[in-house]
Amino acid sequence: MISGILTAILMVAFFIMVGWAWSSRRKGEFEHMANLPLEDDDIKAINKEGEQNGNV
């Protein structure tokens, strides 16, 4: 009995999390986070160019 109730609660929590992740309000934030690794490379390249030019 208790395991069935716990399973139902966990299923509801799972569906709430899936709905939260797929909501249209979160799309912009997820797109920004997806581009972070690319932006990080750009910052490293700029810093490396500055070091080569003596602009540390």
Protein backbone atom coordinates (compact mmCIF):
# COMPACT_ATOMS: atom_id res chain seq x y z
CA MET A 1 0.00 0.00 0.00
CA ILE A 2 2.68 2.49 1.03
CA SER A 3 4.89 1.58 -1.93
CA GLY A 4 2.00 2.28 -4.31
CA ILE A 5 1.42 5.72 -2.79
CA LEU A 6 5.15 6.49 -2.93
CA THR A 7 5.26 5.39 -6.57
CA ALA A 8 2.33 7.66 -7.41
CA ILE A 9 3.94 10.63 -5.66
CA LEU A 10 7.23 10.08 -7.47
CA MET A 11 5.43 9.76 -10.82
CA VAL A 12 3.62 13.04 -10.23
CA ALA A 13 6.90 14.71 -9.26
CA PHE A 14 8.54 13.35 -12.42
CA PHE A 15 5.78 14.69 -14.67
CA ILE A 16 5.93 18.09 -12.96
CA MET A 17 9.70 18.24 -13.59
CA VAL A 18 9.24 17.25 -17.24
CA GLY A 19 6.57 19.92 -17.65
CA TRP A 20 8.85 22.50 -16.05
CA ALA A 21 11.76 21.58 -18.31
CA TRP A 22 9.67 21.69 -21.50
CA SER A 23 7.73 24.86 -20.68
CA SER A 24 8.07 27.68 -23.19
CA ARG A 25 9.11 30.12 -20.45
CA ARG A 26 12.33 28.15 -19.90
CA LYS A 27 13.35 28.03 -23.58
CA GLY A 28 15.42 31.22 -23.56
CA GLU A 29 17.35 30.24 -20.45
CA PHE A 30 18.09 26.76 -21.78
CA GLU A 31 19.28 28.21 -25.11
CA HIS A 32 21.59 30.56 -23.22
CA MET A 33 22.98 27.68 -21.16
CA ALA A 34 23.48 25.62 -24.32
CA ASN A 35 25.64 28.39 -25.78
CA LEU A 36 27.81 28.86 -22.67
CA PRO A 37 30.56 26.45 -23.80
CA LEU A 38 30.85 28.36 -27.07
CA GLU A 39 31.02 31.71 -25.29
CA ASP A 40 33.69 30.34 -22.95
CA ASP A 41 35.88 29.47 -25.95
CA ASP A 42 35.50 33.00 -27.24
CA ILE A 43 36.63 34.46 -23.91
CA LYS A 44 39.64 32.13 -23.78
CA ALA A 45 40.59 33.11 -27.35
CA ILE A 46 40.38 36.81 -26.49
CA ASN A 47 42.49 36.30 -23.36
CA LYS A 48 45.05 34.30 -25.31
CA GLU A 49 45.30 37.03 -27.97
CA GLY A 50 45.79 39.60 -25.24
CA GLU A 51 48.61 37.60 -23.68
CA GLN A 52 50.32 37.27 -27.06
CA ASN A 53 50.13 41.01 -27.57
CA GLY A 54 51.40 41.77 -24.07
CA ASN A 55 48.01 43.06 -22.90
CA VAL A 56 47.59 40.93 -19.81
